[in-house]
Amino acid sequence: MLSFLCKAQEYPLNTDPSEIPNNAYLKDTNNELDKYVGLWKGTWNGKTLYLQFNKVKTSSSIPGDTHPYYKDRILGARKVIASNGIIEIDKITNFNNTDPEFTGISGSLRNGNWKRLYFYPQNMCGKSAALDITNFSGNQMTLHFEYMPSIYKEDCVHNSYVDQNGDFPINFPRDIVLTKQ
């Protein structure tokens, strides 16, 4: 009886996916993502924000599904607690990496020295945001929130709220300093 184990070819995380064979693995060989992994905490407007980030091997493809590959990414979820202790959002408790609100990490388009996460809040009519990591030192990082371009949806349940308040009810700060727990 003959048996053998076939392992996907591994390439450094920042390799261009178009330059690797099908089903190759863009692996975090230098542990670049590890410093982001864990539970982070910050406060804004009397609220407490927790972000949980996990490093996960994900499947991807070049647009058009013509070139499948695997890649290590950061996936995340959040929890928001009001000043009175009421939990307003809790995606962390049941977070299992299959439905993340946050993905990344990549280089920022605004500043080559920054890193960027993408934020896809649920039930916000397809609205998404970029979170630029404008400062990272040891156990602290600073995030800057900025909406990504999106299409206006006439049937969005939040349109009247946006008309009255000038913004979506995203429940996320524009800028925040987070400390690793």
C-alpha atoms as a PDB file:
ATOM      1  CA  MET A   1       0.000   0.000   0.000  1.00  0.00           C
ATOM      2  CA  LEU A   2       1.332   3.401  -0.994  1.00  0.00           C
ATOM      3  CA  SER A   3       0.197   6.620   0.629  1.00  0.00           C
ATOM      4  CA  PHE A   4       1.478  10.154   0.528  1.00  0.00           C
ATOM      5  CA  LEU A   5       0.483  13.528   1.850  1.00  0.00           C
ATOM      6  CA  CYS A   6       0.059  16.401  -0.543  1.00  0.00           C
ATOM      7  CA  LYS A   7       0.601  19.867   0.911  1.00  0.00           C
ATOM      8  CA  ALA A   8      -0.239  23.157  -0.814  1.00  0.00           C
ATOM      9  CA  GLN A   9       2.751  25.210  -1.864  1.00  0.00           C
ATOM     10  CA  GLU A  10       3.367  27.977   0.645  1.00  0.00           C
ATOM     11  CA  TYR A  11       4.375  31.536  -0.201  1.00  0.00           C
ATOM     12  CA  PRO A  12       4.953  34.595   2.012  1.00  0.00           C
ATOM     13  CA  LEU A  13       1.805  36.510   2.925  1.00  0.00           C
ATOM     14  CA  ASN A  14       2.522  39.568   0.770  1.00  0.00           C
ATOM     15  CA  THR A  15       3.076  37.600  -2.459  1.00  0.00           C
ATOM     16  CA  ASP A  16       0.891  38.725  -5.377  1.00  0.00           C
ATOM     17  CA  PRO A  17      -1.863  36.067  -5.767  1.00  0.00           C
ATOM     18  CA  SER A  18      -1.604  36.261  -9.561  1.00  0.00           C
ATOM     19  CA  GLU A  19       1.984  34.982  -9.294  1.00  0.00           C
ATOM     20  CA  ILE A  20       1.216  31.730  -7.462  1.00  0.00           C
ATOM     21  CA  PRO A  21      -0.201  28.416  -8.717  1.00  0.00           C
ATOM     22  CA  ASN A  22      -3.810  27.406  -8.094  1.00  0.00           C
ATOM     23  CA  ASN A  23      -4.550  26.323  -4.518  1.00  0.00           C
ATOM     24  CA  ALA A  24      -1.271  27.710  -3.148  1.00  0.00           C
ATOM     25  CA  TYR A  25      -1.202  29.122   0.388  1.00  0.00           C
ATOM     26  CA  LEU A  26      -0.203  32.716   1.204  1.00  0.00           C
ATOM     27  CA  LYS A  27       0.972  31.957   4.724  1.00  0.00           C
ATOM     28  CA  ASP A  28       1.902  34.358   7.495  1.00  0.00           C
ATOM     29  CA  THR A  29       5.388  32.826   7.669  1.00  0.00           C
ATOM     30  CA  ASN A  30       6.859  35.857   9.470  1.00  0.00           C
ATOM     31  CA  ASN A  31       3.998  36.099  12.000  1.00  0.00           C
ATOM     32  CA  GLU A  32       3.145  39.624  10.807  1.00  0.00           C
ATOM     33  CA  LEU A  33      -0.500  39.201  11.811  1.00  0.00           C
ATOM     34  CA  ASP A  34       0.075  37.809  15.306  1.00  0.00           C
ATOM     35  CA  LYS A  35       0.380  41.228  16.949  1.00  0.00           C
ATOM     36  CA  TYR A  36      -3.239  41.983  15.962  1.00  0.00           C
ATOM     37  CA  VAL A  37      -4.692  38.703  17.283  1.00  0.00           C
ATOM     38  CA  GLY A  38      -6.629  38.887  20.539  1.00  0.00           C
ATOM     39  CA  LEU A  39      -9.166  41.001  22.390  1.00  0.00           C
ATOM     40  CA  TRP A  40      -8.867  44.800  22.154  1.00  0.00           C
ATOM     41  CA  LYS A  41     -10.729  47.383  24.242  1.00  0.00           C
ATOM     42  CA  GLY A  42     -11.385  51.110  23.940  1.00  0.00           C
ATOM     43  CA  THR A  43     -13.947  53.730  24.981  1.00  0.00           C
ATOM     44  CA  TRP A  44     -15.791  56.536  23.194  1.00  0.00           C
ATOM     45  CA  ASN A  45     -18.769  58.692  24.196  1.00  0.00           C
ATOM     46  CA  GLY A  46     -19.217  56.674  27.394  1.00  0.00           C
ATOM     47  CA  LYS A  47     -19.402  53.376  25.485  1.00  0.00           C
ATOM     48  CA  THR A  48     -16.957  50.487  25.666  1.00  0.00           C
ATOM     49  CA  LEU A  49     -15.874  48.794  22.449  1.00  0.00           C
ATOM     50  CA  TYR A  50     -14.339  45.329  22.335  1.00  0.00           C
ATOM     51  CA  LEU A  51     -12.838  43.937  19.131  1.00  0.00           C
ATOM     52  CA  GLN A  52     -11.840  40.283  18.847  1.00  0.00           C
ATOM     53  CA  PHE A  53      -9.360  39.498  16.054  1.00  0.00           C
ATOM     54  CA  ASN A  54      -8.405  35.967  14.987  1.00  0.00           C
ATOM     55  CA  LYS A  55      -5.841  34.815  12.417  1.00  0.00           C
ATOM     56  CA  VAL A  56      -7.569  32.391  10.050  1.00  0.00           C
ATOM     57  CA  LYS A  57      -6.602  30.488   6.909  1.00  0.00           C
ATOM     58  CA  THR A  58      -9.239  31.512   4.355  1.00  0.00           C
ATOM     59  CA  SER A  59      -9.994  30.479   0.796  1.00  0.00           C
ATOM     60  CA  SER A  60      -9.938  33.197  -1.844  1.00  0.00           C
ATOM     61  CA  SER A  61      -9.788  33.661  -5.559  1.00  0.00           C
ATOM     62  CA  ILE A  62      -8.831  36.323  -8.013  1.00  0.00           C
ATOM     63  CA  PRO A  63     -12.026  38.114  -9.185  1.00  0.00           C
ATOM     64  CA  GLY A  64     -13.942  35.889 -11.559  1.00  0.00           C
ATOM     65  CA  ASP A  65     -13.099  32.742  -9.534  1.00  0.00           C
ATOM     66  CA  THR A  66     -10.359  31.904 -12.007  1.00  0.00           C
ATOM     67  CA  HIS A  67      -7.497  31.401  -9.572  1.00  0.00           C
ATOM     68  CA  PRO A  68      -8.271  29.779  -6.186  1.00  0.00           C
ATOM     69  CA  TYR A  69      -5.789  30.126  -3.331  1.00  0.00           C
ATOM     70  CA  TYR A  70      -5.607  30.201   0.477  1.00  0.00           C
ATOM     71  CA  LYS A  71      -4.466  33.115   2.600  1.00  0.00           C
ATOM     72  CA  ASP A  72      -3.979  33.915   6.276  1.00  0.00           C
ATOM     73  CA  ARG A  73      -6.183  36.861   7.244  1.00  0.00           C
ATOM     74  CA  ILE A  74      -7.415  38.652  10.306  1.00  0.00           C
ATOM     75  CA  LEU A  75     -11.141  38.152  10.908  1.00  0.00           C
ATOM     76  CA  GLY A  76     -12.964  39.970  13.662  1.00  0.00           C
ATOM     77  CA  ALA A  77     -16.105  40.749  15.590  1.00  0.00           C
ATOM     78  CA  ARG A  78     -17.186  43.487  18.014  1.00  0.00           C
ATOM     79  CA  LYS A  79     -19.075  44.075  21.211  1.00  0.00           C
ATOM     80  CA  VAL A  80     -20.426  47.501  22.233  1.00  0.00           C
ATOM     81  CA  ILE A  81     -21.537  48.202  25.804  1.00  0.00           C
ATOM     82  CA  ALA A  82     -23.355  51.434  26.716  1.00  0.00           C
ATOM     83  CA  SER A  83     -22.350  53.460  29.782  1.00  0.00           C
ATOM     84  CA  ASN A  84     -25.339  51.999  31.684  1.00  0.00           C
ATOM     85  CA  GLY A  85     -24.038  48.437  31.099  1.00  0.00           C
ATOM     86  CA  ILE A  86     -26.555  47.536  28.383  1.00  0.00           C
ATOM     87  CA  ILE A  87     -25.011  45.444  25.605  1.00  0.00           C
ATOM     88  CA  GLU A  88     -25.919  47.203  22.352  1.00  0.00           C
ATOM     89  CA  ILE A  89     -24.090  44.849  19.984  1.00  0.00           C
ATOM     90  CA  ASP A  90     -22.466  41.491  20.675  1.00  0.00           C
ATOM     91  CA  LYS A  91     -20.978  39.649  17.720  1.00  0.00           C
ATOM     92  CA  ILE A  92     -18.087  38.273  19.822  1.00  0.00           C
ATOM     93  CA  THR A  93     -19.973  35.771  22.003  1.00  0.00           C
ATOM     94  CA  ASN A  94     -20.998  33.575  19.056  1.00  0.00           C
ATOM     95  CA  PHE A  95     -18.136  34.510  16.721  1.00  0.00           C
ATOM     96  CA  ASN A  96     -16.893  31.499  14.794  1.00  0.00           C
ATOM     97  CA  ASN A  97     -14.953  33.097  11.899  1.00  0.00           C
ATOM     98  CA  THR A  98     -17.687  32.299   9.341  1.00  0.00           C
ATOM     99  CA  ASP A  99     -19.489  35.639   9.403  1.00  0.00           C
ATOM    100  CA  PRO A 100     -16.898  38.280  10.349  1.00  0.00           C
ATOM    101  CA  GLU A 101     -17.595  41.997  10.560  1.00  0.00           C
ATOM    102  CA  PHE A 102     -13.879  42.759  10.089  1.00  0.00           C
ATOM    103  CA  THR A 103     -11.353  41.402   7.577  1.00  0.00           C
ATOM    104  CA  GLY A 104      -7.790  42.298   6.701  1.00  0.00           C
ATOM    105  CA  ILE A 105      -5.007  43.250   7.181  1.00  0.00           C
ATOM    106  CA  SER A 106      -3.630  45.037   4.141  1.00  0.00           C
ATOM    107  CA  GLY A 107      -1.750  48.199   3.313  1.00  0.00           C
ATOM    108  CA  SER A 108      -3.709  51.441   3.575  1.00  0.00           C
ATOM    109  CA  LEU A 109      -4.420  53.360   0.405  1.00  0.00           C
ATOM    110  CA  ARG A 110      -4.256  56.660   2.361  1.00  0.00           C
ATOM    111  CA  ASN A 111      -0.798  56.207   3.838  1.00  0.00           C
ATOM    112  CA  GLY A 112       1.758  53.537   2.947  1.00  0.00           C
ATOM    113  CA  ASN A 113       2.879  53.315   6.584  1.00  0.00           C
ATOM    114  CA  TRP A 114      -0.598  52.408   7.855  1.00  0.00           C
ATOM    115  CA  LYS A 115      -2.376  49.063   7.812  1.00  0.00           C
ATOM    116  CA  ARG A 116      -6.066  48.684   7.031  1.00  0.00           C
ATOM    117  CA  LEU A 117      -8.973  46.517   8.132  1.00  0.00           C
ATOM    118  CA  TYR A 118     -12.315  46.407   6.367  1.00  0.00           C
ATOM    119  CA  PHE A 119     -15.547  46.680   8.351  1.00  0.00           C
ATOM    120  CA  TYR A 120     -18.775  45.121   7.053  1.00  0.00           C
ATOM    121  CA  PRO A 121     -21.469  45.839   9.661  1.00  0.00           C
ATOM    122  CA  GLN A 122     -24.492  43.614   9.320  1.00  0.00           C
ATOM    123  CA  ASN A 123     -27.940  44.976   8.485  1.00  0.00           C
ATOM    124  CA  MET A 124     -26.563  48.285   7.150  1.00  0.00           C
ATOM    125  CA  CYS A 125     -27.771  47.948   3.545  1.00  0.00           C
ATOM    126  CA  GLY A 126     -24.347  47.021   2.203  1.00  0.00           C
ATOM    127  CA  LYS A 127     -22.563  49.977   3.811  1.00  0.00           C
ATOM    128  CA  SER A 128     -18.925  49.239   4.625  1.00  0.00           C
ATOM    129  CA  ALA A 129     -15.927  51.108   5.979  1.00  0.00           C
ATOM    130  CA  ALA A 130     -12.156  51.104   6.055  1.00  0.00           C
ATOM    131  CA  LEU A 131     -10.441  51.151   9.433  1.00  0.00           C
ATOM    132  CA  ASP A 132      -6.957  52.553   9.079  1.00  0.00           C
ATOM    133  CA  ILE A 133      -4.523  51.618  11.822  1.00  0.00           C
ATOM    134  CA  THR A 134      -2.871  55.015  12.105  1.00  0.00           C
ATOM    135  CA  ASN A 135      -0.671  54.106  15.066  1.00  0.00           C
ATOM    136  CA  PHE A 136       0.465  50.792  16.516  1.00  0.00           C
ATOM    137  CA  SER A 137       2.856  50.408  19.420  1.00  0.00           C
ATOM    138  CA  GLY A 138       3.146  47.422  21.703  1.00  0.00           C
ATOM    139  CA  ASN A 139      -0.291  46.768  23.117  1.00  0.00           C
ATOM    140  CA  GLN A 140      -2.080  49.847  21.700  1.00  0.00           C
ATOM    141  CA  MET A 141      -3.426  50.732  18.288  1.00  0.00           C
ATOM    142  CA  THR A 142      -5.371  53.695  16.965  1.00  0.00           C
ATOM    143  CA  LEU A 143      -8.148  53.135  14.417  1.00  0.00           C
ATOM    144  CA  HIS A 144      -9.600  55.733  12.052  1.00  0.00           C
ATOM    145  CA  PHE A 145     -13.041  54.953  10.533  1.00  0.00           C
ATOM    146  CA  GLU A 146     -13.924  56.038   6.996  1.00  0.00           C
ATOM    147  CA  TYR A 147     -16.867  54.895   4.871  1.00  0.00           C
ATOM    148  CA  MET A 148     -16.167  53.085   1.622  1.00  0.00           C
ATOM    149  CA  PRO A 149     -18.056  54.278  -1.477  1.00  0.00           C
ATOM    150  CA  SER A 150     -21.441  52.595  -1.790  1.00  0.00           C
ATOM    151  CA  ILE A 151     -24.642  52.699  -3.769  1.00  0.00           C
ATOM    152  CA  TYR A 152     -27.783  54.349  -2.373  1.00  0.00           C
ATOM    153  CA  LYS A 153     -30.480  51.731  -1.797  1.00  0.00           C
ATOM    154  CA  GLU A 154     -34.032  53.072  -1.910  1.00  0.00           C
ATOM    155  CA  ASP A 155     -35.360  50.173   0.164  1.00  0.00           C
ATOM    156  CA  CYS A 156     -32.803  50.547   2.983  1.00  0.00           C
ATOM    157  CA  VAL A 157     -34.517  50.428   6.381  1.00  0.00           C
ATOM    158  CA  HIS A 158     -32.157  53.133   7.665  1.00  0.00           C
ATOM    159  CA  ASN A 159     -32.911  55.846   5.088  1.00  0.00           C
ATOM    160  CA  SER A 160     -35.159  57.900   7.382  1.00  0.00           C
ATOM    161  CA  TYR A 161     -32.562  57.644  10.171  1.00  0.00           C
ATOM    162  CA  VAL A 162     -29.850  58.836   7.767  1.00  0.00           C
ATOM    163  CA  ASP A 163     -32.091  61.709   6.598  1.00  0.00           C
ATOM    164  CA  GLN A 164     -32.639  62.825  10.215  1.00  0.00           C
ATOM    165  CA  ASN A 165     -29.117  62.216  11.586  1.00  0.00           C
ATOM    166  CA  GLY A 166     -26.862  62.489   8.559  1.00  0.00           C
ATOM    167  CA  ASP A 167     -25.293  59.089   9.168  1.00  0.00           C
ATOM    168  CA  PHE A 168     -26.040  55.369   9.453  1.00  0.00           C
ATOM    169  CA  PRO A 169     -26.594  53.872  12.927  1.00  0.00           C
ATOM    170  CA  ILE A 170     -23.274  52.014  12.652  1.00  0.00           C
ATOM    171  CA  ASN A 171     -22.422  52.360  16.379  1.00  0.00           C
ATOM    172  CA  PHE A 172     -18.684  52.698  15.808  1.00  0.00           C
ATOM    173  CA  PRO A 173     -16.355  55.618  16.622  1.00  0.00           C
ATOM    174  CA  ARG A 174     -14.602  57.737  13.985  1.00  0.00           C
ATOM    175  CA  ASP A 175     -11.333  57.483  15.917  1.00  0.00           C
ATOM    176  CA  ILE A 176     -10.432  55.282  18.871  1.00  0.00           C
ATOM    177  CA  VAL A 177      -7.385  54.050  20.775  1.00  0.00           C
ATOM    178  CA  LEU A 178      -7.599  50.348  21.628  1.00  0.00           C
ATOM    179  CA  THR A 179      -5.578  48.481  24.240  1.00  0.00           C
ATOM    180  CA  LYS A 180      -4.864  44.765  23.962  1.00  0.00           C
ATOM    181  CA  GLN A 181      -6.394  42.848  26.846  1.00  0.00           C
END
